[in-house]
N, C-alpha and C. Protein backbone atom coordinates (compact mmCIF):
# COMPACT_ATOMS: atom_id res chain seq x y z
N MET A 1 -158.80 72.26 93.81
CA MET A 1 -159.33 72.93 92.65
C MET A 1 -160.06 71.94 91.75
N ALA A 2 -159.48 70.76 91.59
CA ALA A 2 -160.12 69.76 90.71
C ALA A 2 -161.46 69.33 91.28
N ASN A 3 -161.57 69.24 92.59
CA ASN A 3 -162.86 68.91 93.21
C ASN A 3 -163.90 69.98 92.89
N ALA A 4 -163.51 71.25 93.00
CA ALA A 4 -164.45 72.34 92.73
C ALA A 4 -164.88 72.34 91.27
N VAL A 5 -163.94 72.12 90.36
CA VAL A 5 -164.25 72.14 88.93
C VAL A 5 -165.09 70.93 88.53
N SER A 6 -164.80 69.76 89.12
CA SER A 6 -165.53 68.55 88.75
C SER A 6 -166.87 68.43 89.46
N GLY A 7 -167.05 69.19 90.54
CA GLY A 7 -168.29 69.11 91.31
C GLY A 7 -168.38 67.85 92.17
N LYS A 8 -167.25 67.18 92.35
CA LYS A 8 -167.21 65.94 93.15
C LYS A 8 -166.06 66.03 94.14
N GLU A 9 -166.20 65.31 95.23
CA GLU A 9 -165.13 65.22 96.22
C GLU A 9 -164.38 63.91 96.01
N ILE A 10 -163.63 63.83 94.92
CA ILE A 10 -162.94 62.58 94.61
C ILE A 10 -161.42 62.68 94.77
N PHE A 11 -160.89 63.89 94.88
CA PHE A 11 -159.45 64.08 95.02
C PHE A 11 -159.14 64.46 96.46
N HIS A 12 -158.08 63.89 97.00
CA HIS A 12 -157.73 64.09 98.41
C HIS A 12 -156.29 64.59 98.52
N PRO A 13 -155.99 65.31 99.61
CA PRO A 13 -154.62 65.80 99.80
C PRO A 13 -153.63 64.63 99.91
N ILE A 14 -152.40 64.91 99.57
CA ILE A 14 -151.32 63.95 99.75
C ILE A 14 -150.67 64.27 101.09
N TRP A 15 -150.66 63.31 101.98
CA TRP A 15 -150.09 63.51 103.30
C TRP A 15 -148.77 62.77 103.42
N ARG A 16 -147.83 63.40 104.08
CA ARG A 16 -146.55 62.76 104.40
C ARG A 16 -146.42 62.77 105.91
N ASP A 17 -146.02 61.64 106.47
CA ASP A 17 -145.69 61.68 107.89
C ASP A 17 -144.17 61.74 108.02
N ASP A 18 -143.70 62.07 109.22
CA ASP A 18 -142.26 62.27 109.42
C ASP A 18 -141.45 61.00 109.17
N SER A 19 -142.08 59.83 109.32
CA SER A 19 -141.34 58.58 109.15
C SER A 19 -141.26 58.15 107.68
N SER A 20 -142.01 58.82 106.80
CA SER A 20 -142.00 58.39 105.40
C SER A 20 -140.70 58.78 104.71
N THR A 21 -140.36 58.01 103.73
CA THR A 21 -139.18 58.35 102.95
C THR A 21 -139.54 59.50 102.02
N LYS A 22 -138.53 60.09 101.46
CA LYS A 22 -138.74 61.21 100.54
C LYS A 22 -139.55 60.73 99.34
N LEU A 23 -140.64 61.43 99.05
CA LEU A 23 -141.48 61.07 97.91
C LEU A 23 -140.92 61.70 96.65
N SER A 24 -140.90 60.95 95.58
CA SER A 24 -140.29 61.42 94.34
C SER A 24 -141.24 62.31 93.54
N LYS A 25 -140.65 63.07 92.64
CA LYS A 25 -141.44 63.90 91.75
C LYS A 25 -142.36 63.04 90.90
N GLU A 26 -141.91 61.84 90.52
CA GLU A 26 -142.74 60.93 89.74
C GLU A 26 -143.95 60.46 90.55
N TYR A 27 -143.73 60.19 91.84
CA TYR A 27 -144.84 59.78 92.71
C TYR A 27 -145.89 60.89 92.78
N PHE A 28 -145.43 62.12 93.02
CA PHE A 28 -146.36 63.24 93.09
C PHE A 28 -147.13 63.37 91.79
N PHE A 29 -146.41 63.31 90.67
CA PHE A 29 -147.09 63.49 89.39
C PHE A 29 -148.12 62.39 89.14
N GLN A 30 -147.73 61.14 89.35
CA GLN A 30 -148.67 60.03 89.11
C GLN A 30 -149.88 60.13 90.03
N THR A 31 -149.67 60.54 91.27
CA THR A 31 -150.78 60.69 92.22
C THR A 31 -151.70 61.84 91.83
N LEU A 32 -151.12 62.93 91.35
CA LEU A 32 -151.90 64.13 91.03
C LEU A 32 -152.44 64.14 89.59
N LYS A 33 -151.96 63.23 88.74
CA LYS A 33 -152.31 63.26 87.32
C LYS A 33 -153.82 63.28 87.07
N PRO A 34 -154.65 62.48 87.76
CA PRO A 34 -156.10 62.57 87.49
C PRO A 34 -156.68 63.96 87.76
N ALA A 35 -156.23 64.59 88.83
CA ALA A 35 -156.71 65.95 89.15
C ALA A 35 -156.18 66.96 88.12
N ILE A 36 -154.94 66.78 87.71
CA ILE A 36 -154.35 67.66 86.68
C ILE A 36 -155.17 67.57 85.40
N TRP A 37 -155.54 66.35 85.00
CA TRP A 37 -156.32 66.17 83.77
C TRP A 37 -157.68 66.86 83.86
N VAL A 38 -158.31 66.80 85.02
CA VAL A 38 -159.61 67.47 85.17
C VAL A 38 -159.46 68.95 84.87
N LEU A 39 -158.44 69.58 85.42
CA LEU A 39 -158.24 71.02 85.21
C LEU A 39 -157.87 71.35 83.77
N LEU A 40 -156.99 70.56 83.18
CA LEU A 40 -156.61 70.81 81.78
C LEU A 40 -157.78 70.58 80.83
N ASP A 41 -158.58 69.56 81.12
CA ASP A 41 -159.75 69.29 80.28
C ASP A 41 -160.81 70.39 80.38
N LYS A 42 -160.82 71.11 81.50
CA LYS A 42 -161.79 72.20 81.69
C LYS A 42 -161.29 73.51 81.12
N GLY A 43 -160.12 73.50 80.48
CA GLY A 43 -159.67 74.71 79.80
C GLY A 43 -158.47 75.42 80.39
N VAL A 44 -157.95 74.95 81.52
CA VAL A 44 -156.74 75.56 82.06
C VAL A 44 -155.62 75.32 81.07
N LYS A 45 -154.90 76.35 80.68
CA LYS A 45 -153.85 76.23 79.67
C LYS A 45 -152.53 75.76 80.28
N VAL A 46 -152.17 76.34 81.41
CA VAL A 46 -150.93 75.99 82.10
C VAL A 46 -151.26 75.82 83.57
N LEU A 47 -150.86 74.68 84.11
CA LEU A 47 -151.10 74.39 85.52
C LEU A 47 -149.76 74.31 86.22
N VAL A 48 -149.59 75.11 87.26
CA VAL A 48 -148.38 75.10 88.06
C VAL A 48 -148.73 74.46 89.40
N VAL A 49 -148.07 73.34 89.69
CA VAL A 49 -148.35 72.60 90.92
C VAL A 49 -147.11 72.72 91.81
N THR A 50 -147.27 73.33 92.97
CA THR A 50 -146.14 73.47 93.88
C THR A 50 -146.03 72.21 94.74
N LEU A 51 -144.80 71.75 94.92
CA LEU A 51 -144.53 70.53 95.68
C LEU A 51 -143.65 70.82 96.90
N GLY A 52 -143.66 72.05 97.37
CA GLY A 52 -142.85 72.40 98.53
C GLY A 52 -141.37 72.21 98.25
N SER A 53 -140.70 71.49 99.12
CA SER A 53 -139.25 71.29 98.99
C SER A 53 -138.89 70.40 97.80
N GLU A 54 -139.89 69.82 97.14
CA GLU A 54 -139.63 68.99 95.96
C GLU A 54 -139.71 69.80 94.66
N GLY A 55 -140.04 71.08 94.74
CA GLY A 55 -140.04 71.92 93.55
C GLY A 55 -141.42 72.21 93.00
N VAL A 56 -141.52 72.29 91.68
CA VAL A 56 -142.73 72.70 90.99
C VAL A 56 -142.92 71.84 89.75
N LEU A 57 -144.17 71.49 89.47
CA LEU A 57 -144.53 70.85 88.21
C LEU A 57 -145.24 71.88 87.35
N VAL A 58 -144.88 71.94 86.07
CA VAL A 58 -145.60 72.77 85.11
C VAL A 58 -146.22 71.81 84.11
N CYS A 59 -147.54 71.86 84.00
CA CYS A 59 -148.27 70.91 83.15
C CYS A 59 -149.16 71.66 82.17
N SER A 60 -149.28 71.10 80.98
CA SER A 60 -150.22 71.63 80.00
C SER A 60 -150.50 70.52 78.99
N LYS A 61 -151.48 70.78 78.17
CA LYS A 61 -151.71 69.86 77.06
C LYS A 61 -150.57 70.05 76.09
N ALA A 62 -150.09 68.97 75.54
CA ALA A 62 -148.90 69.02 74.68
C ALA A 62 -149.10 69.90 73.46
N LYS A 63 -150.34 70.09 73.04
CA LYS A 63 -150.61 70.90 71.85
C LYS A 63 -150.42 72.39 72.13
N PHE A 64 -150.36 72.77 73.40
CA PHE A 64 -150.22 74.16 73.80
C PHE A 64 -148.75 74.52 73.89
N ASN A 65 -148.31 75.54 73.19
CA ASN A 65 -146.91 75.92 73.17
C ASN A 65 -146.61 76.87 74.33
N LEU A 66 -145.91 76.35 75.34
CA LEU A 66 -145.61 77.14 76.53
C LEU A 66 -144.69 78.32 76.24
N GLN A 67 -143.81 78.20 75.26
CA GLN A 67 -142.91 79.31 74.97
C GLN A 67 -143.65 80.52 74.40
N ARG A 68 -144.79 80.29 73.83
CA ARG A 68 -145.53 81.41 73.22
C ARG A 68 -146.27 82.23 74.28
N LEU A 69 -146.40 81.69 75.50
CA LEU A 69 -147.10 82.41 76.56
C LEU A 69 -146.13 83.36 77.26
N ALA A 70 -145.96 84.52 76.72
CA ALA A 70 -145.15 85.58 77.30
C ALA A 70 -145.87 86.88 76.99
N PHE A 71 -145.71 87.86 77.85
CA PHE A 71 -146.45 89.11 77.71
C PHE A 71 -145.50 90.29 77.77
N LYS A 72 -145.88 91.34 77.13
CA LYS A 72 -145.20 92.61 77.33
C LYS A 72 -146.16 93.43 78.20
N GLY A 73 -145.72 93.75 79.39
CA GLY A 73 -146.62 94.38 80.36
C GLY A 73 -146.41 95.86 80.50
N ASN A 74 -146.96 96.38 81.59
CA ASN A 74 -146.92 97.81 81.85
C ASN A 74 -145.84 98.19 82.85
N GLN A 75 -144.91 97.28 83.12
CA GLN A 75 -143.85 97.62 84.05
C GLN A 75 -142.93 98.66 83.40
N SER A 76 -142.16 99.32 84.26
CA SER A 76 -141.25 100.31 83.70
C SER A 76 -140.30 99.62 82.73
N PRO A 77 -140.05 100.24 81.60
CA PRO A 77 -139.17 99.62 80.60
C PRO A 77 -137.80 99.27 81.17
N TYR A 78 -137.29 100.08 82.09
CA TYR A 78 -135.97 99.83 82.67
C TYR A 78 -135.96 98.51 83.43
N PHE A 79 -136.94 98.31 84.31
CA PHE A 79 -137.01 97.06 85.09
C PHE A 79 -137.22 95.86 84.18
N SER A 80 -138.17 95.96 83.29
CA SER A 80 -138.46 94.84 82.39
C SER A 80 -137.25 94.47 81.55
N LYS A 81 -136.56 95.45 81.03
CA LYS A 81 -135.40 95.19 80.19
C LYS A 81 -134.28 94.54 81.01
N GLN A 82 -134.03 95.04 82.21
CA GLN A 82 -132.99 94.47 83.06
C GLN A 82 -133.31 93.02 83.41
N LEU A 83 -134.54 92.76 83.82
CA LEU A 83 -134.93 91.40 84.19
C LEU A 83 -134.83 90.47 82.98
N TYR A 84 -135.36 90.91 81.86
CA TYR A 84 -135.33 90.11 80.64
C TYR A 84 -133.89 89.77 80.24
N GLU A 85 -133.02 90.76 80.20
CA GLU A 85 -131.64 90.53 79.79
C GLU A 85 -130.88 89.65 80.77
N ALA A 86 -131.08 89.88 82.07
CA ALA A 86 -130.36 89.09 83.07
C ALA A 86 -130.74 87.62 83.01
N VAL A 87 -132.01 87.34 82.81
CA VAL A 87 -132.48 85.95 82.83
C VAL A 87 -132.31 85.28 81.47
N SER A 88 -132.62 85.97 80.39
CA SER A 88 -132.55 85.32 79.08
C SER A 88 -131.12 84.94 78.69
N THR A 89 -130.12 85.61 79.24
CA THR A 89 -128.75 85.22 78.94
C THR A 89 -128.35 83.93 79.64
N VAL A 90 -128.89 83.66 80.82
CA VAL A 90 -128.52 82.45 81.56
C VAL A 90 -129.55 81.33 81.40
N CYS A 91 -130.73 81.66 80.92
CA CYS A 91 -131.80 80.68 80.69
C CYS A 91 -132.32 80.86 79.26
N PRO A 92 -131.58 80.36 78.27
CA PRO A 92 -131.99 80.58 76.88
C PRO A 92 -133.32 79.89 76.56
N LYS A 93 -134.15 80.57 75.79
CA LYS A 93 -135.44 80.00 75.37
C LYS A 93 -135.23 78.72 74.59
N ASP A 94 -136.21 77.84 74.69
CA ASP A 94 -136.24 76.59 73.91
C ASP A 94 -135.03 75.69 74.13
N LYS A 95 -134.34 75.85 75.26
CA LYS A 95 -133.14 75.05 75.50
C LYS A 95 -133.46 73.55 75.54
N ILE A 96 -134.44 73.16 76.36
CA ILE A 96 -134.76 71.74 76.47
C ILE A 96 -136.24 71.46 76.40
N PHE A 97 -137.03 72.51 76.34
CA PHE A 97 -138.47 72.32 76.45
C PHE A 97 -139.16 72.57 75.13
N GLY A 98 -140.35 72.04 75.02
CA GLY A 98 -141.18 72.35 73.88
C GLY A 98 -142.12 71.21 73.57
N ALA A 99 -143.33 71.56 73.24
CA ALA A 99 -144.31 70.53 72.91
C ALA A 99 -143.88 69.74 71.69
N SER A 100 -143.01 70.30 70.88
CA SER A 100 -142.55 69.57 69.70
C SER A 100 -141.74 68.34 70.08
N MET A 101 -141.25 68.29 71.33
CA MET A 101 -140.52 67.12 71.79
C MET A 101 -141.45 65.93 72.02
N CYS A 102 -142.74 66.19 72.12
CA CYS A 102 -143.71 65.15 72.39
C CYS A 102 -144.03 64.37 71.12
N LYS A 103 -144.38 63.14 71.30
CA LYS A 103 -144.82 62.32 70.17
C LYS A 103 -146.12 62.90 69.64
N PRO A 104 -146.42 62.74 68.37
CA PRO A 104 -147.63 63.33 67.78
C PRO A 104 -148.92 62.93 68.49
N MET A 105 -148.97 61.74 69.09
CA MET A 105 -150.20 61.29 69.74
C MET A 105 -150.25 61.67 71.21
N SER A 106 -149.26 62.38 71.72
CA SER A 106 -149.22 62.74 73.13
C SER A 106 -150.23 63.82 73.46
N ASP A 107 -150.69 63.79 74.70
CA ASP A 107 -151.65 64.78 75.16
C ASP A 107 -151.12 65.65 76.28
N LEU A 108 -150.19 65.14 77.06
CA LEU A 108 -149.76 65.82 78.27
C LEU A 108 -148.28 66.17 78.22
N PHE A 109 -147.99 67.37 78.67
CA PHE A 109 -146.64 67.88 78.73
C PHE A 109 -146.40 68.28 80.18
N ALA A 110 -145.40 67.70 80.84
CA ALA A 110 -145.11 68.04 82.23
C ALA A 110 -143.60 68.19 82.42
N VAL A 111 -143.23 69.26 83.10
CA VAL A 111 -141.83 69.53 83.40
C VAL A 111 -141.70 69.73 84.89
N HIS A 112 -140.66 69.12 85.47
CA HIS A 112 -140.39 69.31 86.89
C HIS A 112 -139.24 70.30 87.04
N PHE A 113 -139.46 71.32 87.88
CA PHE A 113 -138.42 72.28 88.23
C PHE A 113 -138.03 72.02 89.68
N PRO A 114 -136.75 71.82 89.94
CA PRO A 114 -136.33 71.52 91.31
C PRO A 114 -136.40 72.76 92.20
N ALA A 115 -136.56 72.53 93.49
CA ALA A 115 -136.43 73.61 94.46
C ALA A 115 -134.94 73.88 94.66
N LEU A 116 -134.63 75.07 95.11
CA LEU A 116 -133.24 75.41 95.40
C LEU A 116 -132.93 75.12 96.86
N PRO A 117 -131.72 74.67 97.16
CA PRO A 117 -131.36 74.52 98.57
C PRO A 117 -131.43 75.89 99.25
N ALA A 118 -131.95 75.91 100.45
CA ALA A 118 -132.11 77.19 101.14
C ALA A 118 -131.88 77.02 102.63
N SER A 119 -131.42 78.07 103.27
CA SER A 119 -131.33 78.12 104.73
C SER A 119 -132.63 78.72 105.23
N VAL A 120 -133.61 77.86 105.47
CA VAL A 120 -134.97 78.31 105.74
C VAL A 120 -135.07 78.96 107.12
N VAL A 121 -135.57 80.19 107.12
CA VAL A 121 -135.87 80.92 108.34
C VAL A 121 -137.37 80.83 108.61
N ARG A 122 -138.17 81.03 107.57
CA ARG A 122 -139.63 80.91 107.66
C ARG A 122 -140.19 80.74 106.25
N LEU A 123 -141.38 80.16 106.18
CA LEU A 123 -141.97 79.87 104.87
C LEU A 123 -143.03 80.89 104.45
N THR A 124 -143.42 81.77 105.35
CA THR A 124 -144.44 82.76 105.02
C THR A 124 -143.99 83.64 103.87
N GLY A 125 -144.83 83.73 102.85
CA GLY A 125 -144.54 84.59 101.70
C GLY A 125 -143.89 83.87 100.53
N ALA A 126 -143.48 82.61 100.71
CA ALA A 126 -142.79 81.89 99.63
C ALA A 126 -143.70 81.72 98.41
N GLY A 127 -144.92 81.32 98.63
CA GLY A 127 -145.85 81.15 97.51
C GLY A 127 -146.15 82.47 96.81
N ASP A 128 -146.30 83.53 97.60
CA ASP A 128 -146.55 84.85 97.02
C ASP A 128 -145.38 85.30 96.16
N CYS A 129 -144.15 85.06 96.63
CA CYS A 129 -142.98 85.46 95.84
C CYS A 129 -142.81 84.57 94.62
N LEU A 130 -143.19 83.30 94.71
CA LEU A 130 -143.16 82.42 93.54
C LEU A 130 -144.09 82.98 92.46
N VAL A 131 -145.29 83.32 92.86
CA VAL A 131 -146.27 83.87 91.91
C VAL A 131 -145.81 85.24 91.41
N GLY A 132 -145.39 86.12 92.31
CA GLY A 132 -144.96 87.46 91.91
C GLY A 132 -143.77 87.45 90.98
N GLY A 133 -142.77 86.61 91.28
CA GLY A 133 -141.60 86.50 90.41
C GLY A 133 -141.96 85.96 89.04
N THR A 134 -142.88 84.99 89.02
CA THR A 134 -143.32 84.40 87.75
C THR A 134 -144.07 85.43 86.91
N ILE A 135 -144.99 86.13 87.52
CA ILE A 135 -145.79 87.12 86.78
C ILE A 135 -144.92 88.28 86.30
N ALA A 136 -144.03 88.78 87.16
CA ALA A 136 -143.15 89.87 86.75
C ALA A 136 -142.30 89.45 85.55
N SER A 137 -141.86 88.19 85.56
CA SER A 137 -141.04 87.69 84.45
C SER A 137 -141.84 87.54 83.17
N LEU A 138 -143.07 87.05 83.28
CA LEU A 138 -143.94 86.97 82.10
C LEU A 138 -144.17 88.36 81.52
N CYS A 139 -144.41 89.32 82.39
CA CYS A 139 -144.66 90.70 81.93
C CYS A 139 -143.41 91.33 81.31
N ALA A 140 -142.24 90.84 81.71
CA ALA A 140 -141.00 91.36 81.14
C ALA A 140 -140.70 90.72 79.79
N GLY A 141 -141.50 89.71 79.38
CA GLY A 141 -141.31 89.09 78.08
C GLY A 141 -140.65 87.73 78.11
N LEU A 142 -140.34 87.22 79.30
CA LEU A 142 -139.76 85.88 79.39
C LEU A 142 -140.87 84.85 79.18
N ASP A 143 -140.50 83.64 78.74
CA ASP A 143 -141.53 82.62 78.53
C ASP A 143 -141.89 81.94 79.86
N VAL A 144 -142.83 81.02 79.82
CA VAL A 144 -143.32 80.36 81.04
C VAL A 144 -142.20 79.64 81.76
N MET A 145 -141.38 78.89 81.02
CA MET A 145 -140.32 78.11 81.65
C MET A 145 -139.29 79.01 82.33
N GLN A 146 -138.87 80.06 81.66
CA GLN A 146 -137.93 81.01 82.26
C GLN A 146 -138.57 81.68 83.48
N SER A 147 -139.84 82.02 83.35
CA SER A 147 -140.54 82.73 84.42
C SER A 147 -140.73 81.88 85.67
N ILE A 148 -141.02 80.60 85.49
CA ILE A 148 -141.14 79.70 86.65
C ILE A 148 -139.80 79.61 87.37
N ALA A 149 -138.70 79.53 86.62
CA ALA A 149 -137.37 79.48 87.23
C ALA A 149 -137.11 80.73 88.07
N VAL A 150 -137.50 81.89 87.56
CA VAL A 150 -137.35 83.14 88.32
C VAL A 150 -138.25 83.12 89.55
N GLY A 151 -139.48 82.63 89.40
CA GLY A 151 -140.39 82.55 90.54
C GLY A 151 -139.83 81.69 91.66
N ILE A 152 -139.24 80.57 91.32
CA ILE A 152 -138.64 79.69 92.33
C ILE A 152 -137.45 80.38 92.99
N ALA A 153 -136.64 81.08 92.20
CA ALA A 153 -135.51 81.83 92.75
C ALA A 153 -135.99 82.93 93.70
N ALA A 154 -137.09 83.60 93.34
CA ALA A 154 -137.65 84.65 94.21
C ALA A 154 -138.18 84.05 95.50
N ALA A 155 -138.78 82.87 95.43
CA ALA A 155 -139.29 82.21 96.63
C ALA A 155 -138.15 81.82 97.57
N LYS A 156 -137.02 81.41 97.01
CA LYS A 156 -135.86 81.04 97.83
C LYS A 156 -135.41 82.24 98.67
N VAL A 157 -135.39 83.41 98.06
CA VAL A 157 -134.94 84.62 98.77
C VAL A 157 -135.82 84.88 99.99
N VAL A 158 -137.13 84.71 99.85
CA VAL A 158 -138.03 85.05 100.95
C VAL A 158 -137.96 84.03 102.09
N VAL A 159 -137.69 82.77 101.81
CA VAL A 159 -137.63 81.80 102.91
C VAL A 159 -136.38 81.97 103.75
N GLU A 160 -135.41 82.72 103.25
CA GLU A 160 -134.16 82.91 103.98
C GLU A 160 -134.12 84.21 104.79
N VAL A 161 -135.24 84.94 104.86
CA VAL A 161 -135.29 86.19 105.63
C VAL A 161 -136.45 86.14 106.63
N GLU A 162 -136.39 87.02 107.61
CA GLU A 162 -137.43 87.08 108.64
C GLU A 162 -138.74 87.69 108.15
N SER A 163 -138.64 88.65 107.24
CA SER A 163 -139.84 89.36 106.79
C SER A 163 -140.61 88.53 105.76
N ASN A 164 -141.88 88.88 105.57
CA ASN A 164 -142.71 88.16 104.59
C ASN A 164 -142.23 88.36 103.17
N VAL A 165 -141.68 89.51 102.89
CA VAL A 165 -141.13 89.82 101.57
C VAL A 165 -139.79 90.50 101.81
N PRO A 166 -138.74 90.08 101.10
CA PRO A 166 -137.43 90.70 101.31
C PRO A 166 -137.45 92.18 100.95
N ASP A 167 -136.61 92.94 101.62
CA ASP A 167 -136.53 94.37 101.34
C ASP A 167 -136.02 94.64 99.93
N GLU A 168 -135.14 93.78 99.44
CA GLU A 168 -134.60 93.96 98.09
C GLU A 168 -134.14 92.62 97.53
N TYR A 169 -134.04 92.58 96.23
CA TYR A 169 -133.52 91.42 95.51
C TYR A 169 -132.27 91.86 94.76
N CYS A 170 -131.28 91.01 94.70
CA CYS A 170 -130.10 91.24 93.87
C CYS A 170 -130.39 90.56 92.54
N LEU A 171 -130.51 91.34 91.48
CA LEU A 171 -130.89 90.81 90.17
C LEU A 171 -129.89 89.76 89.67
N ALA A 172 -128.61 89.99 89.89
CA ALA A 172 -127.60 89.02 89.44
C ALA A 172 -127.75 87.69 90.18
N LYS A 173 -127.99 87.74 91.48
CA LYS A 173 -128.17 86.52 92.28
C LYS A 173 -129.47 85.82 91.88
N LEU A 174 -130.51 86.60 91.66
CA LEU A 174 -131.80 86.03 91.23
C LEU A 174 -131.63 85.31 89.89
N ALA A 175 -130.94 85.93 88.96
CA ALA A 175 -130.71 85.32 87.64
C ALA A 175 -129.85 84.06 87.76
N ASP A 176 -128.86 84.09 88.63
CA ASP A 176 -128.01 82.92 88.82
C ASP A 176 -128.80 81.76 89.43
N ASP A 177 -129.64 82.06 90.42
CA ASP A 177 -130.50 81.02 91.01
C ASP A 177 -131.50 80.49 89.97
N ALA A 178 -132.04 81.39 89.15
CA ALA A 178 -132.97 80.96 88.10
C ALA A 178 -132.26 80.03 87.13
N ARG A 179 -131.00 80.33 86.80
CA ARG A 179 -130.20 79.46 85.93
C ARG A 179 -130.07 78.06 86.54
N SER A 180 -129.82 77.98 87.84
CA SER A 180 -129.70 76.67 88.50
C SER A 180 -131.00 75.89 88.41
N VAL A 181 -132.11 76.56 88.63
CA VAL A 181 -133.42 75.90 88.53
C VAL A 181 -133.67 75.46 87.10
N TYR A 182 -133.47 76.37 86.17
CA TYR A 182 -133.75 76.12 84.75
C TYR A 182 -132.91 74.96 84.23
N SER A 183 -131.63 74.93 84.59
CA SER A 183 -130.76 73.87 84.09
C SER A 183 -131.08 72.53 84.75
N GLY A 184 -131.72 72.55 85.92
CA GLY A 184 -132.10 71.31 86.60
C GLY A 184 -133.49 70.81 86.23
N ALA A 185 -134.21 71.57 85.42
CA ALA A 185 -135.57 71.16 85.03
C ALA A 185 -135.51 69.95 84.11
N THR A 186 -136.46 69.07 84.30
CA THR A 186 -136.51 67.84 83.48
C THR A 186 -137.92 67.60 82.95
N MET A 187 -137.94 67.08 81.74
CA MET A 187 -139.21 66.65 81.15
C MET A 187 -139.63 65.44 81.98
N LEU A 188 -140.73 65.56 82.67
CA LEU A 188 -141.18 64.48 83.54
C LEU A 188 -142.00 63.48 82.76
N LEU A 189 -142.85 64.02 81.88
CA LEU A 189 -143.73 63.12 81.17
C LEU A 189 -144.27 63.81 79.94
N CYS A 190 -144.43 63.06 78.95
CA CYS A 190 -145.05 63.54 77.73
C CYS A 190 -145.78 62.32 77.17
N GLN A 191 -147.03 62.16 77.54
CA GLN A 191 -147.73 60.93 77.17
C GLN A 191 -149.20 61.20 76.90
N SER A 192 -149.87 60.16 76.46
CA SER A 192 -151.30 60.28 76.19
C SER A 192 -152.07 60.22 77.50
N LYS A 193 -153.33 60.59 77.44
CA LYS A 193 -154.17 60.74 78.62
C LYS A 193 -154.35 59.43 79.38
N LEU A 194 -154.48 58.33 78.72
CA LEU A 194 -154.76 57.07 79.40
C LEU A 194 -153.52 56.33 79.78
């Protein structure tokens, strides 16, 4: 995406071979930071970078308040209310996140959300469920951080079944998995651009 936005072919994929040691979330962030900056400088408000089994990075400019990005959508009030209540009780807003935690001169806000351990059957549909769970949560009124945790929990469910999308989700289990992700999230970086 950064190549398309910048009009240059300067960013390259990160490759891992089977003999490499596990790459850290810090390594991924430092390697991807130039591309992340290109997208944020071009106006992207929130950038979600998936790292496969290493989890997800959520990045934005520190001046942008991620908790304020929540929507009330057109979903049935019953579903939205159930999802909101189940997740907001186990993932309280503003628990550890917020641009206010950054120093006044900081430009970048990045949080790492861990992946959940899973008994992987297949990976097809995991990204779709991550996005779908995140968007459904935003529409239910949860903030970005809570919604990403739900998206990761939804992705875990799909990798453990044969079908591309599970036939059903257990809301209590989804909320419990979201709590595990949310409580394991860490402020990765809050620093200036250079």
